């Protein structure tokens, strides 16, 4: 087994030899760091789980991380992205969003968001009852992150050039643009979308050669 031989070890960030360096993202923020280990010594008693079975622990943690990241697909709980865009897009004489093309995209997004919410609730119930598939977090992560990216693409489109403003108090420090850029990392962190699709193909769809 290619995963045998990996052990999961905890360490204190204050341990001698452990240093970090912030990574600046395209959003201008630095929520991530590179971590460097120079001759770091950690007591073997800090192993989590069994020796050489660390991948089991990592998979468990990854499942929770992917579920957490997928939560971006649910947004802020607002019932409709289209309703949130009324102020920036305006309405036509029929009371509809005054951009037919964008209106259709927003309607499709709202339908997909409701479908994702239903899937999330079903998976949560199945996991609580012990009937969930181990690869369901991969489905959640892929669907949720791709949905969240679409959400912010639509926010940027609906707010036009105003959404590109980067620093003023009116834009809350370019919140829309920075949040949009931040979503690009959603499809990388916790496992890339491509990796998620590979796992789904292999473990859920049981496709040959996956």
N, C-alpha and C. Protein backbone atom coordinates (compact mmCIF):
# COMPACT_ATOMS: atom_id res chain seq x y z
N UNK A 1 0.85 -1.19 0.00
CA UNK A 1 0.00 0.00 0.00
C UNK A 1 0.89 1.24 0.00
N UNK A 2 0.67 2.12 -0.97
CA UNK A 2 1.55 3.30 -1.10
C UNK A 2 1.40 4.28 0.05
N UNK A 3 0.33 4.15 0.85
CA UNK A 3 0.14 5.07 1.98
C UNK A 3 0.73 4.53 3.28
N UNK A 4 1.17 3.27 3.29
CA UNK A 4 1.79 2.72 4.48
C UNK A 4 3.13 3.41 4.70
N UNK A 5 3.49 3.58 5.96
CA UNK A 5 4.77 4.22 6.26
C UNK A 5 4.64 5.69 6.58
N UNK A 6 3.43 6.25 6.41
CA UNK A 6 3.18 7.65 6.77
C UNK A 6 2.64 7.69 8.20
N UNK A 7 3.26 8.49 9.05
CA UNK A 7 2.76 8.65 10.41
C UNK A 7 2.32 10.09 10.63
N UNK A 8 1.32 10.27 11.49
CA UNK A 8 0.75 11.59 11.76
C UNK A 8 1.31 12.08 13.09
N UNK A 9 2.04 13.19 13.04
CA UNK A 9 2.76 13.67 14.22
C UNK A 9 2.39 15.11 14.52
N UNK A 10 2.03 15.40 15.77
CA UNK A 10 1.74 16.76 16.19
C UNK A 10 3.02 17.46 16.63
N UNK A 11 3.09 18.78 16.41
CA UNK A 11 4.24 19.53 16.90
C UNK A 11 3.80 20.93 17.30
N UNK A 12 4.50 21.51 18.23
CA UNK A 12 4.24 22.87 18.69
C UNK A 12 4.90 23.84 17.71
N UNK A 13 4.16 24.86 17.29
CA UNK A 13 4.73 25.84 16.36
C UNK A 13 5.91 26.60 16.97
N UNK A 14 6.04 26.55 18.31
CA UNK A 14 7.15 27.21 18.98
C UNK A 14 8.39 26.31 19.07
N UNK A 15 8.29 25.10 18.52
CA UNK A 15 9.41 24.17 18.55
C UNK A 15 10.61 24.77 17.82
N UNK A 16 11.82 24.69 18.40
CA UNK A 16 13.01 25.22 17.72
C UNK A 16 13.16 24.63 16.31
N UNK A 17 13.41 25.50 15.34
CA UNK A 17 13.59 25.07 13.95
C UNK A 17 12.35 25.23 13.09
N UNK A 18 11.19 25.53 13.73
CA UNK A 18 9.95 25.74 12.97
C UNK A 18 9.78 27.24 12.71
N UNK A 19 9.74 27.62 11.46
CA UNK A 19 9.51 29.03 11.10
C UNK A 19 8.45 29.11 10.01
N UNK A 20 7.82 30.28 9.91
CA UNK A 20 6.78 30.48 8.89
C UNK A 20 7.05 31.75 8.10
N UNK A 21 6.51 31.77 6.90
CA UNK A 21 6.62 32.94 6.03
C UNK A 21 5.26 33.16 5.37
N UNK A 22 4.62 34.34 5.57
CA UNK A 22 3.31 34.59 4.98
C UNK A 22 3.33 34.48 3.46
N UNK A 23 2.25 33.96 2.90
CA UNK A 23 2.07 33.89 1.45
C UNK A 23 1.01 34.92 1.06
N UNK A 24 1.38 35.89 0.26
CA UNK A 24 0.43 36.91 -0.16
C UNK A 24 -0.35 36.41 -1.37
N UNK A 25 -1.67 36.43 -1.27
CA UNK A 25 -2.53 35.93 -2.34
C UNK A 25 -2.89 37.04 -3.32
N UNK A 26 -3.51 36.68 -4.44
CA UNK A 26 -3.90 37.68 -5.43
C UNK A 26 -4.96 38.63 -4.88
N UNK A 27 -5.62 38.23 -3.78
CA UNK A 27 -6.60 39.11 -3.16
C UNK A 27 -5.93 40.21 -2.35
N UNK A 28 -4.63 40.10 -2.14
CA UNK A 28 -3.90 41.07 -1.34
C UNK A 28 -3.79 40.68 0.12
N UNK A 29 -4.47 39.60 0.52
CA UNK A 29 -4.43 39.14 1.90
C UNK A 29 -3.41 38.01 2.07
N UNK A 30 -3.10 37.69 3.31
CA UNK A 30 -2.11 36.65 3.59
C UNK A 30 -2.61 35.67 4.65
N UNK A 31 -3.66 34.89 4.35
CA UNK A 31 -4.18 33.96 5.35
C UNK A 31 -3.38 32.66 5.45
N UNK A 32 -2.44 32.45 4.53
CA UNK A 32 -1.66 31.22 4.50
C UNK A 32 -0.18 31.51 4.72
N UNK A 33 0.53 30.49 5.19
CA UNK A 33 1.97 30.63 5.40
C UNK A 33 2.70 29.40 4.86
N UNK A 34 3.94 29.61 4.43
CA UNK A 34 4.86 28.50 4.22
C UNK A 34 5.42 28.13 5.59
N UNK A 35 5.62 26.86 5.84
CA UNK A 35 6.21 26.41 7.10
C UNK A 35 7.51 25.68 6.81
N UNK A 36 8.56 26.07 7.49
CA UNK A 36 9.89 25.50 7.27
C UNK A 36 10.33 24.72 8.50
N UNK A 37 10.98 23.59 8.28
CA UNK A 37 11.49 22.74 9.36
C UNK A 37 13.00 22.59 9.20
N UNK A 38 13.76 23.10 10.16
CA UNK A 38 15.22 23.00 10.14
C UNK A 38 15.68 22.19 11.35
N UNK A 39 15.98 20.90 11.09
CA UNK A 39 16.45 20.00 12.16
C UNK A 39 15.49 20.00 13.36
N UNK A 40 14.21 19.92 13.07
CA UNK A 40 13.19 19.93 14.12
C UNK A 40 13.12 18.55 14.78
N UNK A 41 13.06 18.54 16.09
CA UNK A 41 12.95 17.30 16.85
C UNK A 41 11.62 17.31 17.60
N UNK A 42 10.82 16.26 17.41
CA UNK A 42 9.51 16.16 18.04
C UNK A 42 9.42 14.82 18.77
N UNK A 43 8.94 14.80 20.02
CA UNK A 43 8.82 13.53 20.76
C UNK A 43 7.91 12.55 20.04
N UNK A 44 8.33 11.29 20.01
CA UNK A 44 7.53 10.27 19.30
C UNK A 44 6.20 10.03 19.99
N UNK A 45 6.08 10.43 21.26
CA UNK A 45 4.81 10.27 21.97
C UNK A 45 3.71 11.13 21.38
N UNK A 46 4.07 12.07 20.51
CA UNK A 46 3.08 12.98 19.92
C UNK A 46 2.49 12.44 18.61
N UNK A 47 2.75 11.17 18.33
CA UNK A 47 2.11 10.53 17.17
C UNK A 47 0.62 10.37 17.44
N UNK A 48 -0.19 10.67 16.43
CA UNK A 48 -1.64 10.50 16.52
C UNK A 48 -2.02 9.20 15.82
N UNK A 49 -2.76 8.36 16.50
CA UNK A 49 -3.12 7.08 15.91
C UNK A 49 -1.96 6.11 15.95
N UNK A 50 -1.94 5.19 14.98
CA UNK A 50 -0.92 4.15 14.96
C UNK A 50 0.27 4.57 14.10
N UNK A 51 1.43 4.02 14.45
CA UNK A 51 2.63 4.22 13.66
C UNK A 51 2.40 3.68 12.24
N UNK A 52 2.80 4.46 11.25
CA UNK A 52 2.67 4.10 9.83
C UNK A 52 1.23 4.07 9.32
N UNK A 53 0.29 4.56 10.15
CA UNK A 53 -1.12 4.61 9.72
C UNK A 53 -1.63 6.05 9.74
N UNK A 54 -0.73 6.98 9.50
CA UNK A 54 -1.10 8.39 9.55
C UNK A 54 -2.06 8.83 8.46
N UNK A 55 -2.07 8.11 7.34
CA UNK A 55 -2.96 8.49 6.25
C UNK A 55 -4.42 8.32 6.65
N UNK A 56 -4.69 7.37 7.55
CA UNK A 56 -6.07 7.21 8.03
C UNK A 56 -6.53 8.46 8.78
N UNK A 57 -5.63 9.01 9.60
CA UNK A 57 -5.95 10.23 10.34
C UNK A 57 -6.11 11.40 9.37
N UNK A 58 -5.19 11.49 8.40
CA UNK A 58 -5.23 12.60 7.43
C UNK A 58 -6.52 12.56 6.62
N UNK A 59 -6.96 11.38 6.21
CA UNK A 59 -8.20 11.26 5.43
C UNK A 59 -9.40 11.74 6.25
N UNK A 60 -9.41 11.40 7.53
CA UNK A 60 -10.51 11.82 8.40
C UNK A 60 -10.54 13.35 8.50
N UNK A 61 -9.37 13.94 8.70
CA UNK A 61 -9.31 15.40 8.81
C UNK A 61 -9.65 16.06 7.48
N UNK A 62 -9.18 15.48 6.37
CA UNK A 62 -9.48 16.04 5.05
C UNK A 62 -10.98 16.04 4.78
N UNK A 63 -11.64 14.98 5.23
CA UNK A 63 -13.09 14.91 5.03
C UNK A 63 -13.79 16.08 5.70
N UNK A 64 -13.38 16.39 6.93
CA UNK A 64 -13.98 17.52 7.65
C UNK A 64 -13.59 18.85 7.01
N UNK A 65 -12.34 18.95 6.55
CA UNK A 65 -11.92 20.19 5.90
C UNK A 65 -12.72 20.43 4.63
N UNK A 66 -12.94 19.38 3.86
CA UNK A 66 -13.68 19.52 2.60
C UNK A 66 -15.13 19.89 2.85
N UNK A 67 -15.72 19.32 3.90
CA UNK A 67 -17.09 19.70 4.26
C UNK A 67 -17.15 21.17 4.64
N UNK A 68 -16.14 21.62 5.40
CA UNK A 68 -16.10 23.01 5.84
C UNK A 68 -15.96 23.96 4.65
N UNK A 69 -15.05 23.62 3.73
CA UNK A 69 -14.83 24.47 2.56
C UNK A 69 -16.08 24.49 1.68
N UNK A 70 -16.76 23.35 1.58
CA UNK A 70 -17.95 23.27 0.73
C UNK A 70 -19.04 24.21 1.21
N UNK A 71 -18.97 24.61 2.50
CA UNK A 71 -20.00 25.48 3.04
C UNK A 71 -20.11 26.80 2.32
N UNK A 72 -19.05 27.20 1.59
CA UNK A 72 -19.12 28.43 0.81
C UNK A 72 -20.21 28.38 -0.24
N UNK A 73 -20.57 27.17 -0.66
CA UNK A 73 -21.64 27.04 -1.65
C UNK A 73 -22.99 27.47 -1.12
N UNK A 74 -23.15 27.45 0.21
CA UNK A 74 -24.42 27.85 0.82
C UNK A 74 -24.52 29.36 0.96
N UNK A 75 -23.40 30.06 0.79
CA UNK A 75 -23.41 31.52 0.87
C UNK A 75 -23.74 31.99 2.27
N UNK A 76 -24.39 33.14 2.36
CA UNK A 76 -24.70 33.74 3.65
C UNK A 76 -26.12 33.44 4.13
N UNK A 77 -26.75 32.47 3.49
CA UNK A 77 -28.10 32.09 3.90
C UNK A 77 -29.20 32.90 3.25
N UNK A 78 -28.83 33.89 2.39
CA UNK A 78 -29.84 34.69 1.70
C UNK A 78 -30.64 33.81 0.74
N UNK A 79 -31.96 34.03 0.63
CA UNK A 79 -32.79 33.15 -0.20
C UNK A 79 -32.51 33.23 -1.69
N UNK A 80 -31.99 34.36 -2.17
CA UNK A 80 -31.83 34.52 -3.61
C UNK A 80 -30.70 35.50 -3.92
N UNK A 81 -29.79 35.08 -4.76
CA UNK A 81 -28.73 35.99 -5.17
C UNK A 81 -29.31 37.11 -6.04
N UNK A 82 -30.31 36.76 -6.84
CA UNK A 82 -30.96 37.77 -7.67
C UNK A 82 -31.57 38.89 -6.84
N UNK A 83 -32.21 38.52 -5.72
CA UNK A 83 -32.82 39.51 -4.85
C UNK A 83 -31.77 40.46 -4.26
N UNK A 84 -30.59 39.92 -4.01
CA UNK A 84 -29.52 40.74 -3.46
C UNK A 84 -28.97 41.73 -4.48
N UNK A 85 -29.19 41.44 -5.76
CA UNK A 85 -28.60 42.25 -6.82
C UNK A 85 -29.53 43.36 -7.32
N UNK A 86 -30.74 43.43 -6.75
CA UNK A 86 -31.71 44.41 -7.22
C UNK A 86 -31.17 45.84 -7.18
N UNK A 87 -30.51 46.17 -6.09
CA UNK A 87 -30.02 47.53 -5.94
C UNK A 87 -28.97 47.93 -6.94
N UNK A 88 -28.12 47.00 -7.34
CA UNK A 88 -27.03 47.33 -8.26
C UNK A 88 -27.45 47.22 -9.73
N UNK A 89 -28.37 46.31 -10.05
CA UNK A 89 -28.78 46.12 -11.45
C UNK A 89 -30.00 46.96 -11.80
N UNK A 90 -30.93 47.12 -10.85
CA UNK A 90 -32.16 47.84 -11.14
C UNK A 90 -33.19 46.93 -11.82
N UNK A 91 -34.38 47.46 -12.05
CA UNK A 91 -35.45 46.67 -12.65
C UNK A 91 -36.00 47.35 -13.90
N UNK A 92 -36.63 46.54 -14.74
CA UNK A 92 -37.29 47.08 -15.94
C UNK A 92 -38.75 47.39 -15.62
N UNK A 93 -39.53 47.67 -16.62
CA UNK A 93 -40.92 48.03 -16.41
C UNK A 93 -41.78 46.91 -15.87
N UNK A 94 -41.29 45.68 -15.97
CA UNK A 94 -42.03 44.53 -15.47
C UNK A 94 -41.61 44.14 -14.06
N UNK A 95 -40.70 44.91 -13.49
CA UNK A 95 -40.23 44.59 -12.15
C UNK A 95 -39.17 43.52 -12.12
N UNK A 96 -38.65 43.16 -13.31
CA UNK A 96 -37.59 42.16 -13.39
C UNK A 96 -36.21 42.83 -13.37
N UNK A 97 -35.20 42.07 -13.05
CA UNK A 97 -33.84 42.60 -13.13
C UNK A 97 -33.60 43.12 -14.54
N UNK A 98 -33.06 44.31 -14.63
CA UNK A 98 -32.95 45.00 -15.91
C UNK A 98 -31.73 44.55 -16.73
N UNK A 99 -31.60 43.25 -16.88
CA UNK A 99 -30.54 42.66 -17.71
C UNK A 99 -30.95 41.22 -17.94
N UNK A 100 -31.55 40.97 -19.10
CA UNK A 100 -32.14 39.65 -19.37
C UNK A 100 -31.14 38.52 -19.27
N UNK A 101 -29.94 38.73 -19.81
CA UNK A 101 -28.92 37.67 -19.80
C UNK A 101 -28.47 37.37 -18.37
N UNK A 102 -28.17 38.42 -17.63
CA UNK A 102 -27.73 38.22 -16.25
C UNK A 102 -28.86 37.68 -15.39
N UNK A 103 -30.08 38.11 -15.69
CA UNK A 103 -31.25 37.62 -14.95
C UNK A 103 -31.38 36.10 -15.09
N UNK A 104 -31.15 35.59 -16.28
CA UNK A 104 -31.24 34.15 -16.52
C UNK A 104 -30.13 33.41 -15.77
N UNK A 105 -28.93 33.98 -15.77
CA UNK A 105 -27.81 33.35 -15.06
C UNK A 105 -28.06 33.31 -13.57
N UNK A 106 -28.61 34.41 -13.03
CA UNK A 106 -28.91 34.47 -11.61
C UNK A 106 -30.00 33.47 -11.23
N UNK A 107 -31.01 33.34 -12.10
CA UNK A 107 -32.08 32.38 -11.83
C UNK A 107 -31.54 30.96 -11.81
N UNK A 108 -30.67 30.63 -12.78
CA UNK A 108 -30.06 29.30 -12.81
C UNK A 108 -29.20 29.06 -11.58
N UNK A 109 -28.49 30.11 -11.17
CA UNK A 109 -27.67 29.97 -9.98
C UNK A 109 -28.53 29.68 -8.75
N UNK A 110 -29.63 30.43 -8.60
CA UNK A 110 -30.51 30.22 -7.44
C UNK A 110 -31.05 28.79 -7.40
N UNK A 111 -31.39 28.25 -8.57
CA UNK A 111 -31.87 26.86 -8.64
C UNK A 111 -30.77 25.90 -8.19
N UNK A 112 -29.56 26.12 -8.70
CA UNK A 112 -28.44 25.24 -8.36
C UNK A 112 -28.08 25.36 -6.88
N UNK A 113 -28.19 26.57 -6.32
CA UNK A 113 -27.89 26.76 -4.91
C UNK A 113 -28.89 26.01 -4.03
N UNK A 114 -30.16 26.02 -4.42
CA UNK A 114 -31.18 25.27 -3.67
C UNK A 114 -30.93 23.77 -3.77
N UNK A 115 -30.51 23.32 -4.95
CA UNK A 115 -30.20 21.89 -5.12
C UNK A 115 -29.01 21.49 -4.26
N UNK A 116 -28.02 22.37 -4.19
CA UNK A 116 -26.84 22.09 -3.37
C UNK A 116 -27.23 22.03 -1.89
N UNK A 117 -28.08 22.94 -1.46
CA UNK A 117 -28.53 22.94 -0.07
C UNK A 117 -29.25 21.65 0.27
N UNK A 118 -30.10 21.18 -0.66
CA UNK A 118 -30.82 19.92 -0.43
C UNK A 118 -29.85 18.75 -0.34
N UNK A 119 -28.83 18.75 -1.22
CA UNK A 119 -27.83 17.69 -1.19
C UNK A 119 -27.06 17.71 0.13
N UNK A 120 -26.69 18.91 0.59
CA UNK A 120 -25.94 19.04 1.84
C UNK A 120 -26.75 18.50 3.02
N UNK A 121 -28.04 18.82 3.05
CA UNK A 121 -28.90 18.35 4.14
C UNK A 121 -29.04 16.83 4.10
N UNK A 122 -29.16 16.29 2.90
CA UNK A 122 -29.30 14.83 2.77
C UNK A 122 -28.02 14.14 3.23
N UNK A 123 -26.87 14.63 2.77
CA UNK A 123 -25.60 14.02 3.15
C UNK A 123 -25.37 14.10 4.65
N UNK A 124 -25.74 15.24 5.25
CA UNK A 124 -25.57 15.40 6.69
C UNK A 124 -26.40 14.37 7.45
N UNK A 125 -27.65 14.18 7.02
CA UNK A 125 -28.53 13.20 7.67
C UNK A 125 -27.97 11.79 7.50
N UNK A 126 -27.45 11.49 6.30
CA UNK A 126 -26.91 10.15 6.05
C UNK A 126 -25.66 9.89 6.90
N UNK A 127 -24.81 10.91 7.04
CA UNK A 127 -23.60 10.73 7.84
C UNK A 127 -23.95 10.54 9.31
N UNK A 128 -24.94 11.28 9.80
CA UNK A 128 -25.36 11.15 11.20
C UNK A 128 -25.93 9.77 11.49
N UNK A 129 -26.57 9.17 10.50
CA UNK A 129 -27.17 7.84 10.68
C UNK A 129 -26.21 6.72 10.33
N UNK A 130 -24.97 7.08 9.95
CA UNK A 130 -23.98 6.07 9.62
C UNK A 130 -24.14 5.47 8.23
N UNK A 131 -24.95 6.10 7.37
CA UNK A 131 -25.20 5.56 6.03
C UNK A 131 -24.47 6.34 4.94
N UNK A 132 -23.69 7.34 5.34
CA UNK A 132 -23.01 8.17 4.34
C UNK A 132 -21.87 7.44 3.66
N UNK A 133 -21.63 7.81 2.40
CA UNK A 133 -20.51 7.25 1.64
C UNK A 133 -19.25 8.02 2.02
N UNK A 134 -18.11 7.33 2.21
CA UNK A 134 -16.87 8.01 2.60
C UNK A 134 -16.42 9.11 1.64
N UNK A 135 -16.86 9.01 0.38
CA UNK A 135 -16.43 10.00 -0.61
C UNK A 135 -17.42 11.15 -0.77
N UNK A 136 -18.49 11.17 0.03
CA UNK A 136 -19.45 12.26 -0.08
C UNK A 136 -18.84 13.63 0.18
N UNK A 137 -17.88 13.76 1.14
CA UNK A 137 -17.25 15.07 1.31
C UNK A 137 -16.57 15.58 0.05
N UNK A 138 -16.10 14.67 -0.80
CA UNK A 138 -15.49 15.08 -2.07
C UNK A 138 -16.53 15.70 -2.99
N UNK A 139 -17.71 15.09 -3.02
CA UNK A 139 -18.80 15.66 -3.82
C UNK A 139 -19.19 17.03 -3.30
N UNK A 140 -19.30 17.13 -1.96
CA UNK A 140 -19.67 18.39 -1.35
C UNK A 140 -18.64 19.47 -1.65
N UNK A 141 -17.38 19.09 -1.52
CA UNK A 141 -16.30 20.05 -1.71
C UNK A 141 -16.29 20.55 -3.15
N UNK A 142 -16.39 19.64 -4.11
CA UNK A 142 -16.38 20.05 -5.52
C UNK A 142 -17.57 20.93 -5.85
N UNK A 143 -18.77 20.47 -5.50
CA UNK A 143 -19.98 21.22 -5.85
C UNK A 143 -20.01 22.56 -5.13
N UNK A 144 -19.66 22.58 -3.85
CA UNK A 144 -19.73 23.80 -3.07
C UNK A 144 -18.74 24.86 -3.52
N UNK A 145 -17.50 24.45 -3.81
CA UNK A 145 -16.51 25.44 -4.22
C UNK A 145 -16.79 25.99 -5.61
N UNK A 146 -17.23 25.14 -6.51
CA UNK A 146 -17.54 25.61 -7.86
C UNK A 146 -18.76 26.56 -7.82
N UNK A 147 -19.71 26.24 -6.94
CA UNK A 147 -20.89 27.11 -6.80
C UNK A 147 -20.48 28.46 -6.20
N UNK A 148 -19.60 28.44 -5.22
CA UNK A 148 -19.16 29.68 -4.59
C UNK A 148 -18.40 30.56 -5.59
N UNK A 149 -17.61 29.95 -6.45
CA UNK A 149 -16.91 30.72 -7.48
C UNK A 149 -17.91 31.38 -8.42
N UNK A 150 -18.95 30.64 -8.81
CA UNK A 150 -19.98 31.22 -9.68
C UNK A 150 -20.69 32.37 -8.99
N UNK A 151 -20.96 32.22 -7.68
CA UNK A 151 -21.64 33.26 -6.92
C UNK A 151 -20.88 34.58 -7.04
N UNK A 152 -19.59 34.52 -6.81
CA UNK A 152 -18.80 35.76 -6.80
C UNK A 152 -18.55 36.29 -8.21
N UNK A 153 -18.53 35.41 -9.20
CA UNK A 153 -18.45 35.87 -10.58
C UNK A 153 -19.69 36.70 -10.93
N UNK A 154 -20.85 36.23 -10.47
CA UNK A 154 -22.10 36.93 -10.74
C UNK A 154 -22.18 38.25 -9.97
N UNK A 155 -21.66 38.24 -8.74
CA UNK A 155 -21.63 39.49 -7.97
C UNK A 155 -20.78 40.53 -8.69
N UNK A 156 -19.65 40.10 -9.21
CA UNK A 156 -18.78 41.02 -9.94
C UNK A 156 -19.46 41.52 -11.21
N UNK A 157 -20.13 40.62 -11.93
CA UNK A 157 -20.81 41.01 -13.16
C UNK A 157 -21.96 41.97 -12.87
N UNK A 158 -22.70 41.71 -11.80
CA UNK A 158 -23.86 42.53 -11.48
C UNK A 158 -23.51 43.92 -10.96
N UNK A 159 -22.33 44.07 -10.41
CA UNK A 159 -21.93 45.37 -9.87
C UNK A 159 -21.03 46.16 -10.82
N UNK A 160 -20.74 45.58 -11.98
CA UNK A 160 -20.00 46.32 -13.00
C UNK A 160 -18.65 46.85 -12.53
N UNK A 161 -18.28 48.00 -13.04
CA UNK A 161 -16.97 48.57 -12.73
C UNK A 161 -16.84 48.95 -11.26
N UNK A 162 -17.97 49.20 -10.58
CA UNK A 162 -17.91 49.53 -9.15
C UNK A 162 -17.28 48.39 -8.34
N UNK A 163 -17.49 47.16 -8.82
CA UNK A 163 -16.97 46.01 -8.07
C UNK A 163 -15.45 45.90 -8.16
N UNK A 164 -14.86 46.60 -9.11
CA UNK A 164 -13.41 46.53 -9.29
C UNK A 164 -12.66 47.50 -8.39
N UNK A 165 -13.38 48.41 -7.74
CA UNK A 165 -12.73 49.38 -6.85
C UNK A 165 -12.06 48.64 -5.70
N UNK A 166 -10.87 49.06 -5.31
CA UNK A 166 -9.98 48.23 -4.51
C UNK A 166 -9.73 48.72 -3.08
N UNK A 167 -9.87 50.04 -2.84
CA UNK A 167 -9.35 50.53 -1.57
C UNK A 167 -10.27 51.45 -0.76
N UNK A 168 -11.34 51.96 -1.32
CA UNK A 168 -12.11 53.00 -0.62
C UNK A 168 -12.97 52.44 0.51
N UNK A 169 -13.41 53.36 1.38
CA UNK A 169 -14.32 52.97 2.45
C UNK A 169 -15.67 52.53 1.88
N UNK A 170 -16.08 53.16 0.77
CA UNK A 170 -17.37 52.83 0.15
C UNK A 170 -17.42 51.37 -0.28
N UNK A 171 -16.30 50.85 -0.74
CA UNK A 171 -16.26 49.45 -1.19
C UNK A 171 -15.77 48.51 -0.09
N UNK A 172 -15.63 49.06 1.12
CA UNK A 172 -15.12 48.28 2.27
C UNK A 172 -13.77 47.66 1.94
N UNK A 173 -12.92 48.50 1.38
CA UNK A 173 -11.58 48.03 1.05
C UNK A 173 -11.56 47.05 -0.11
N UNK A 174 -12.47 47.25 -1.07
CA UNK A 174 -12.52 46.36 -2.23
C UNK A 174 -13.00 44.97 -1.89
N UNK A 175 -13.97 44.88 -0.96
CA UNK A 175 -14.43 43.57 -0.46
C UNK A 175 -14.92 42.65 -1.57
N UNK A 176 -15.70 43.19 -2.52
CA UNK A 176 -16.25 42.34 -3.57
C UNK A 176 -15.13 41.75 -4.43
N UNK A 177 -14.20 42.59 -4.83
CA UNK A 177 -13.10 42.12 -5.68
C UNK A 177 -12.21 41.14 -4.92
N UNK A 178 -11.90 41.47 -3.68
CA UNK A 178 -11.02 40.60 -2.90
C UNK A 178 -11.68 39.25 -2.60
N UNK A 179 -12.97 39.27 -2.30
CA UNK A 179 -13.68 38.02 -2.05
C UNK A 179 -13.75 37.17 -3.32
N UNK A 180 -13.97 37.83 -4.46
CA UNK A 180 -14.00 37.12 -5.74
C UNK A 180 -12.67 36.45 -6.01
N UNK A 181 -11.59 37.18 -5.81
CA UNK A 181 -10.26 36.61 -6.03
C UNK A 181 -9.98 35.48 -5.05
N UNK A 182 -10.45 35.64 -3.82
CA UNK A 182 -10.21 34.61 -2.81
C UNK A 182 -10.85 33.28 -3.19
N UNK A 183 -11.98 33.31 -3.89
CA UNK A 183 -12.66 32.06 -4.24
C UNK A 183 -11.85 31.21 -5.19
N UNK A 184 -10.88 31.80 -5.88
CA UNK A 184 -10.05 31.02 -6.80
C UNK A 184 -9.29 29.93 -6.05
N UNK A 185 -8.99 30.21 -4.77
CA UNK A 185 -8.27 29.22 -3.97
C UNK A 185 -9.17 28.07 -3.53
N UNK A 186 -10.50 28.28 -3.57
CA UNK A 186 -11.43 27.23 -3.12
C UNK A 186 -11.24 25.93 -3.88
N UNK A 187 -10.94 26.05 -5.17
CA UNK A 187 -10.82 24.83 -5.98
C UNK A 187 -9.41 24.23 -5.92
N UNK A 188 -8.57 24.77 -5.02
CA UNK A 188 -7.22 24.22 -4.82
C UNK A 188 -7.09 23.65 -3.40
N UNK A 189 -7.46 24.48 -2.40
CA UNK A 189 -7.28 24.07 -1.00
C UNK A 189 -8.16 22.87 -0.67
N UNK A 190 -7.64 22.02 0.21
CA UNK A 190 -8.40 20.84 0.62
C UNK A 190 -8.48 19.78 -0.46
N UNK A 191 -7.69 19.93 -1.52
CA UNK A 191 -7.75 19.01 -2.66
C UNK A 191 -8.35 19.71 -3.86
N UNK A 192 -7.67 19.69 -4.98
CA UNK A 192 -8.14 20.41 -6.17
C UNK A 192 -9.43 19.82 -6.71
N UNK A 193 -10.14 20.60 -7.50
CA UNK A 193 -11.38 20.11 -8.11
C UNK A 193 -11.11 18.88 -8.97
N UNK A 194 -9.95 18.86 -9.62
CA UNK A 194 -9.60 17.71 -10.47
C UNK A 194 -9.43 16.45 -9.62
N UNK A 195 -8.78 16.58 -8.46
CA UNK A 195 -8.63 15.45 -7.55
C UNK A 195 -10.00 14.98 -7.05
N UNK A 196 -10.87 15.94 -6.71
CA UNK A 196 -12.21 15.58 -6.24
C UNK A 196 -12.95 14.77 -7.31
N UNK A 197 -12.85 15.22 -8.56
CA UNK A 197 -13.54 14.51 -9.65
C UNK A 197 -12.97 13.11 -9.84
N UNK A 198 -11.66 12.96 -9.67
CA UNK A 198 -11.05 11.64 -9.78
C UNK A 198 -11.57 10.70 -8.69
N UNK A 199 -11.67 11.22 -7.47
CA UNK A 199 -12.17 10.39 -6.37
C UNK A 199 -13.63 10.00 -6.61
N UNK A 200 -14.43 10.96 -7.06
CA UNK A 200 -15.84 10.68 -7.36
C UNK A 200 -15.96 9.61 -8.43
N UNK A 201 -15.14 9.75 -9.49
CA UNK A 201 -15.19 8.78 -10.58
C UNK A 201 -14.82 7.37 -10.11
N UNK A 202 -13.83 7.31 -9.24
CA UNK A 202 -13.32 6.01 -8.80
C UNK A 202 -14.17 5.38 -7.70
N UNK A 203 -14.53 6.17 -6.68
CA UNK A 203 -15.12 5.60 -5.48
C UNK A 203 -16.65 5.65 -5.45
N UNK A 204 -17.24 6.53 -6.23
CA UNK A 204 -18.71 6.62 -6.24
C UNK A 204 -19.28 6.08 -7.55
N UNK A 205 -18.74 6.54 -8.67
CA UNK A 205 -19.25 6.08 -9.98
C UNK A 205 -18.64 4.76 -10.41
N UNK A 206 -17.52 4.38 -9.76
CA UNK A 206 -16.84 3.11 -10.06
C UNK A 206 -16.52 2.99 -11.55
N UNK A 207 -16.02 4.07 -12.13
CA UNK A 207 -15.70 4.07 -13.55
C UNK A 207 -14.40 3.29 -13.81
N UNK A 208 -14.37 2.51 -14.86
CA UNK A 208 -13.15 1.74 -15.16
C UNK A 208 -12.00 2.67 -15.52
N UNK A 209 -10.83 2.36 -15.01
CA UNK A 209 -9.65 3.15 -15.34
C UNK A 209 -9.51 4.43 -14.54
N UNK A 210 -10.49 4.73 -13.66
CA UNK A 210 -10.42 5.97 -12.89
C UNK A 210 -9.41 5.84 -11.75
